[in-house]
């Protein structure tokens, strides 16, 4: 049965298409391979740099917490003179709480915000991005182009969402039993 399903799947043509994301105004880019598999590039599901929330190293812990809670995000990019120098996350905020850091304390005073900014190329595919997060033990990375110019931000959750979408991809849906079933033609 499995080999029949693989044979059936391998004969399904996958056209090039674009799909607008409702939250962000950008296009998803999918490239077919010769064996009809597809590669989803980071550029297709990252948050574009213009939509990334940022803070200064002089921002207070309270400022960062308020931004995260009000915008319901798990990270902010720390900038110095408009250049990204770090990423602060909810995990960092938990560390501040656990260590009794005052809400008025500047972010630059509590963490090495200029060190360890993880970057991934915009041309990386989602599997490469997942391996990158595993290797570096991080959940967020700045997306850069070939000239090291920031173009977006990606999180492990973004990758998980794409994997979940893959499992629901046409012409098959993943059901509660975990198996792929054809979509009803109704």
Protein backbone atom coordinates (compact mmCIF):
# COMPACT_ATOMS: atom_id res chain seq x y z
CA UNK A 1 0.00 0.00 0.00
CA UNK A 2 2.79 2.41 0.91
CA UNK A 3 4.62 1.88 -2.40
CA UNK A 4 1.33 2.45 -4.26
CA UNK A 5 0.80 5.70 -2.38
CA UNK A 6 4.35 6.83 -3.13
CA UNK A 7 3.90 5.97 -6.81
CA UNK A 8 0.62 7.92 -6.86
CA UNK A 9 2.21 10.91 -5.11
CA UNK A 10 5.25 10.88 -7.42
CA UNK A 11 2.97 11.28 -10.47
CA UNK A 12 1.18 14.39 -9.19
CA UNK A 13 2.42 17.52 -10.96
CA UNK A 14 3.24 20.40 -8.63
CA UNK A 15 2.87 23.76 -10.37
CA UNK A 16 4.65 26.93 -9.37
CA UNK A 17 2.35 29.23 -7.45
CA UNK A 18 2.29 32.15 -5.07
CA UNK A 19 0.12 32.47 -2.00
CA UNK A 20 -0.36 35.69 -0.07
CA UNK A 21 -0.03 35.43 3.70
CA UNK A 22 -2.91 37.12 5.52
CA UNK A 23 -0.78 38.47 8.39
CA UNK A 24 2.07 39.77 6.28
CA UNK A 25 1.98 41.00 2.72
CA UNK A 26 4.56 38.79 1.05
CA UNK A 27 4.65 35.90 -1.38
CA UNK A 28 5.47 32.26 -0.67
CA UNK A 29 7.98 30.83 -3.15
CA UNK A 30 7.88 27.12 -3.91
CA UNK A 31 10.28 25.46 -6.33
CA UNK A 32 9.50 22.02 -7.78
CA UNK A 33 12.27 19.46 -7.93
CA UNK A 34 12.67 16.79 -10.57
CA UNK A 35 11.09 14.14 -8.32
CA UNK A 36 8.05 16.39 -7.68
CA UNK A 37 9.05 17.19 -4.11
CA UNK A 38 9.07 20.84 -3.17
CA UNK A 39 11.45 23.05 -1.24
CA UNK A 40 10.03 25.78 0.98
CA UNK A 41 12.56 28.55 1.42
CA UNK A 42 12.86 30.58 4.62
CA UNK A 43 11.88 33.64 2.58
CA UNK A 44 8.42 32.12 2.20
CA UNK A 45 7.51 32.08 5.87
CA UNK A 46 9.82 34.48 7.71
CA UNK A 47 8.56 37.73 9.20
CA UNK A 48 9.84 40.48 6.88
CA UNK A 49 12.30 42.86 8.56
CA UNK A 50 9.89 45.81 8.21
CA UNK A 51 7.39 43.90 10.40
CA UNK A 52 9.89 42.73 13.04
CA UNK A 53 9.54 44.44 16.41
CA UNK A 54 12.76 46.06 17.57
CA UNK A 55 14.12 47.64 20.73
CA UNK A 56 17.28 49.48 21.72
CA UNK A 57 19.83 48.20 24.23
CA UNK A 58 18.69 51.14 26.36
CA UNK A 59 15.12 49.77 26.46
CA UNK A 60 14.05 48.59 29.90
CA UNK A 61 12.96 45.10 30.85
CA UNK A 62 9.47 46.56 31.35
CA UNK A 63 9.49 48.10 27.84
CA UNK A 64 10.43 44.76 26.30
CA UNK A 65 7.83 42.84 28.30
CA UNK A 66 5.14 45.34 27.31
CA UNK A 67 6.05 45.07 23.61
CA UNK A 68 6.04 41.27 23.74
CA UNK A 69 2.70 41.10 25.54
CA UNK A 70 0.96 43.84 23.53
CA UNK A 71 2.06 42.45 20.16
CA UNK A 72 1.93 38.78 21.26
CA UNK A 73 5.44 37.97 20.03
CA UNK A 74 8.14 35.82 21.58
CA UNK A 75 11.16 37.90 20.58
CA UNK A 76 12.43 41.36 19.69
CA UNK A 77 15.50 42.29 17.68
CA UNK A 78 17.88 44.54 19.60
CA UNK A 79 19.25 47.30 17.39
CA UNK A 80 22.12 49.72 17.76
CA UNK A 81 22.04 52.64 15.29
CA UNK A 82 19.45 50.71 13.21
CA UNK A 83 21.75 47.67 12.96
CA UNK A 84 20.54 44.38 14.51
CA UNK A 85 22.91 43.31 17.28
CA UNK A 86 20.92 40.71 19.20
CA UNK A 87 17.61 38.99 19.81
CA UNK A 88 15.84 39.06 23.15
CA UNK A 89 13.26 36.37 23.83
CA UNK A 90 10.62 35.37 26.36
CA UNK A 91 13.18 32.94 27.75
CA UNK A 92 15.50 35.89 28.46
CA UNK A 93 12.60 37.65 30.19
CA UNK A 94 12.04 34.55 32.38
CA UNK A 95 15.75 34.64 33.27
CA UNK A 96 15.36 38.30 34.31
CA UNK A 97 12.42 37.40 36.53
CA UNK A 98 14.18 34.38 38.07
CA UNK A 99 17.24 36.49 38.89
CA UNK A 100 15.27 39.40 40.35
CA UNK A 101 16.23 41.90 37.66
CA UNK A 102 14.36 45.18 38.22
CA UNK A 103 11.85 46.23 35.55
CA UNK A 104 13.68 49.53 35.13
CA UNK A 105 16.95 47.81 34.21
CA UNK A 106 18.18 48.39 30.67
CA UNK A 107 18.34 45.30 28.45
CA UNK A 108 21.96 46.09 27.54
CA UNK A 109 22.90 45.83 31.22
CA UNK A 110 21.54 42.33 31.75
CA UNK A 111 22.63 40.39 28.70
CA UNK A 112 25.49 40.18 26.23
CA UNK A 113 23.26 41.60 23.49
CA UNK A 114 26.09 42.16 21.04
CA UNK A 115 27.26 38.54 21.09
CA UNK A 116 25.76 35.46 19.55
CA UNK A 117 23.31 36.93 17.03
CA UNK A 118 22.44 33.88 14.96
CA UNK A 119 21.90 34.49 11.24
CA UNK A 120 20.54 32.25 8.52
CA UNK A 121 20.53 32.86 4.77
CA UNK A 122 17.24 33.75 3.12
CA UNK A 123 17.90 30.97 0.58
CA UNK A 124 17.92 28.23 3.25
CA UNK A 125 15.10 25.72 3.10
CA UNK A 126 12.95 24.81 6.11
CA UNK A 127 14.87 21.58 6.80
CA UNK A 128 18.18 23.44 6.83
CA UNK A 129 16.65 26.05 9.15
CA UNK A 130 15.42 23.33 11.53
CA UNK A 131 18.90 21.76 11.62
CA UNK A 132 20.40 25.24 12.21
CA UNK A 133 18.15 25.77 15.27
CA UNK A 134 19.03 22.32 16.60
CA UNK A 135 22.77 22.79 16.08
CA UNK A 136 22.87 26.24 17.73
CA UNK A 137 20.23 25.44 20.38
CA UNK A 138 18.23 28.58 19.59
CA UNK A 139 14.60 29.30 18.72
CA UNK A 140 15.05 32.51 16.70
CA UNK A 141 17.42 33.70 13.98
CA UNK A 142 17.90 36.80 11.89
CA UNK A 143 17.39 36.10 8.17
CA UNK A 144 19.99 37.78 5.95
CA UNK A 145 20.62 38.00 2.22
CA UNK A 146 23.92 37.09 0.51
CA UNK A 147 25.30 40.54 1.43
CA UNK A 148 24.55 39.99 5.15
CA UNK A 149 21.71 42.54 4.96
CA UNK A 150 18.85 41.70 7.38
CA UNK A 151 15.66 40.75 5.52
CA UNK A 152 13.59 39.06 8.22
CA UNK A 153 13.26 37.01 11.38
CA UNK A 154 12.40 33.34 11.72
CA UNK A 155 11.48 31.22 14.71
CA UNK A 156 11.19 27.53 15.41
CA UNK A 157 7.42 28.07 15.60
CA UNK A 158 7.45 29.39 12.02
CA UNK A 159 9.07 26.14 10.89
CA UNK A 160 6.62 24.04 12.90
CA UNK A 161 3.70 25.88 11.27
CA UNK A 162 5.11 25.18 7.81
CA UNK A 163 5.56 21.50 8.61
CA UNK A 164 1.95 21.39 9.82
CA UNK A 165 0.82 23.02 6.57
CA UNK A 166 2.82 20.46 4.58
CA UNK A 167 0.94 17.68 6.30
CA UNK A 168 -2.33 19.21 5.10
CA UNK A 169 -1.14 19.86 1.56
CA UNK A 170 -3.34 19.21 -1.44
CA UNK A 171 -4.35 16.68 -2.75
CA UNK A 172 -4.03 14.83 0.54
CA UNK A 173 -4.94 15.77 4.08
CA UNK A 174 -3.51 14.29 7.24
CA UNK A 175 -6.33 12.99 9.43
CA UNK A 176 -6.47 12.30 13.16
CA UNK A 177 -5.13 8.80 12.52
CA UNK A 178 -1.93 10.39 11.19
CA UNK A 179 -2.40 8.94 7.71
CA UNK A 180 -2.78 10.86 4.46
CA UNK A 181 -6.22 10.55 2.83
CA UNK A 182 -7.41 12.03 -0.48
CA UNK A 183 -9.45 15.21 -0.17
CA UNK A 184 -13.12 14.55 -0.87
CA UNK A 185 -14.13 15.79 -4.31
CA UNK A 186 -17.45 17.15 -2.96
